[in-house]
Amino acid sequence: MEDQKTCCTCGKTKPVEEFVSKRTQCKPCKAIKSQQWRDANKPLNQACQRAAYYKRKAKALQEN
């Protein structure tokens, strides 16, 4: 059983619990990378968030 993995971004060996499912990037590195993407792509991110909101809202209204 494998208890530790090495992050492909920071190169540190960490417990498996520090990783997102079967990914090779640890949670802290993934969070940093995601934040950088959101900052660099603000209009696209806002459009994606808005579309997801309206999709969830329409689904909730259909269920009622």
C-alpha atoms as a PDB file:
ATOM      1  CA  MET A   1       0.000   0.000   0.000  1.00  0.00           C
ATOM      2  CA  GLU A   2       1.341   3.392  -1.009  1.00  0.00           C
ATOM      3  CA  ASP A   3       1.156   5.950   1.806  1.00  0.00           C
ATOM      4  CA  GLN A   4       3.099   8.769   0.179  1.00  0.00           C
ATOM      5  CA  LYS A   5       3.216  10.477  -3.204  1.00  0.00           C
ATOM      6  CA  THR A   6       5.457  13.120  -4.760  1.00  0.00           C
ATOM      7  CA  CYS A   7       3.847  16.301  -6.048  1.00  0.00           C
ATOM      8  CA  CYS A   8       4.681  17.040  -9.688  1.00  0.00           C
ATOM      9  CA  THR A   9       4.621  20.806  -9.038  1.00  0.00           C
ATOM     10  CA  CYS A  10       6.545  21.357  -5.800  1.00  0.00           C
ATOM     11  CA  GLY A  11       8.453  18.055  -5.802  1.00  0.00           C
ATOM     12  CA  LYS A  12       7.746  17.352  -2.128  1.00  0.00           C
ATOM     13  CA  THR A  13       6.786  13.899  -0.897  1.00  0.00           C
ATOM     14  CA  LYS A  14       3.541  14.088   1.057  1.00  0.00           C
ATOM     15  CA  PRO A  15       0.887  11.727   2.468  1.00  0.00           C
ATOM     16  CA  VAL A  16      -1.719  10.519  -0.027  1.00  0.00           C
ATOM     17  CA  GLU A  17      -4.387  12.476   1.889  1.00  0.00           C
ATOM     18  CA  GLU A  18      -2.706  15.703   0.683  1.00  0.00           C
ATOM     19  CA  PHE A  19      -3.623  14.891  -2.929  1.00  0.00           C
ATOM     20  CA  VAL A  20      -6.863  15.238  -4.856  1.00  0.00           C
ATOM     21  CA  SER A  21      -8.075  11.698  -5.696  1.00  0.00           C
ATOM     22  CA  LYS A  22      -5.731  10.176  -8.287  1.00  0.00           C
ATOM     23  CA  ARG A  23      -3.983  13.403  -9.303  1.00  0.00           C
ATOM     24  CA  THR A  24      -0.248  14.032  -9.129  1.00  0.00           C
ATOM     25  CA  GLN A  25      -0.591  17.552  -7.755  1.00  0.00           C
ATOM     26  CA  CYS A  26      -1.008  18.197  -4.027  1.00  0.00           C
ATOM     27  CA  LYS A  27      -3.987  20.204  -2.751  1.00  0.00           C
ATOM     28  CA  PRO A  28      -1.993  23.353  -1.841  1.00  0.00           C
ATOM     29  CA  CYS A  29      -0.317  23.460  -5.289  1.00  0.00           C
ATOM     30  CA  LYS A  30      -3.671  22.862  -6.987  1.00  0.00           C
ATOM     31  CA  ALA A  31      -5.238  25.708  -5.003  1.00  0.00           C
ATOM     32  CA  ILE A  32      -2.423  28.096  -5.981  1.00  0.00           C
ATOM     33  CA  LYS A  33      -2.619  27.105  -9.644  1.00  0.00           C
ATOM     34  CA  SER A  34      -6.409  27.487  -9.658  1.00  0.00           C
ATOM     35  CA  GLN A  35      -6.207  30.939  -8.055  1.00  0.00           C
ATOM     36  CA  GLN A  36      -3.608  32.057 -10.602  1.00  0.00           C
ATOM     37  CA  TRP A  37      -5.847  30.874 -13.444  1.00  0.00           C
ATOM     38  CA  ARG A  38      -8.875  32.670 -11.996  1.00  0.00           C
ATOM     39  CA  ASP A  39      -6.867  35.885 -11.628  1.00  0.00           C
ATOM     40  CA  ALA A  40      -5.474  35.660 -15.169  1.00  0.00           C
ATOM     41  CA  ASN A  41      -8.862  34.782 -16.723  1.00  0.00           C
ATOM     42  CA  LYS A  42     -11.250  36.919 -14.705  1.00  0.00           C
ATOM     43  CA  PRO A  43     -13.887  37.592 -17.436  1.00  0.00           C
ATOM     44  CA  LEU A  44     -13.938  33.947 -18.545  1.00  0.00           C
ATOM     45  CA  ASN A  45     -14.134  32.774 -14.941  1.00  0.00           C
ATOM     46  CA  GLN A  46     -17.047  35.123 -14.249  1.00  0.00           C
ATOM     47  CA  ALA A  47     -18.877  33.888 -17.349  1.00  0.00           C
ATOM     48  CA  CYS A  48     -18.346  30.249 -16.326  1.00  0.00           C
ATOM     49  CA  GLN A  49     -19.538  30.933 -12.790  1.00  0.00           C
ATOM     50  CA  ARG A  50     -22.592  32.802 -14.075  1.00  0.00           C
ATOM     51  CA  ALA A  51     -23.490  29.984 -16.485  1.00  0.00           C
ATOM     52  CA  ALA A  52     -23.122  27.370 -13.739  1.00  0.00           C
ATOM     53  CA  TYR A  53     -25.325  29.455 -11.420  1.00  0.00           C
ATOM     54  CA  TYR A  54     -28.144  29.713 -13.963  1.00  0.00           C
ATOM     55  CA  LYS A  55     -27.858  26.009 -14.794  1.00  0.00           C
ATOM     56  CA  ARG A  56     -28.207  25.084 -11.090  1.00  0.00           C
ATOM     57  CA  LYS A  57     -31.053  27.568 -10.676  1.00  0.00           C
ATOM     58  CA  ALA A  58     -32.977  26.124 -13.662  1.00  0.00           C
ATOM     59  CA  LYS A  59     -32.479  22.584 -12.359  1.00  0.00           C
ATOM     60  CA  ALA A  60     -33.736  23.583  -8.894  1.00  0.00           C
ATOM     61  CA  LEU A  61     -36.834  25.226 -10.387  1.00  0.00           C
ATOM     62  CA  GLN A  62     -37.593  22.112 -12.444  1.00  0.00           C
ATOM     63  CA  GLU A  63     -37.418  19.921  -9.335  1.00  0.00           C
ATOM     64  CA  ASN A  64     -40.062  22.009  -7.544  1.00  0.00           C
END
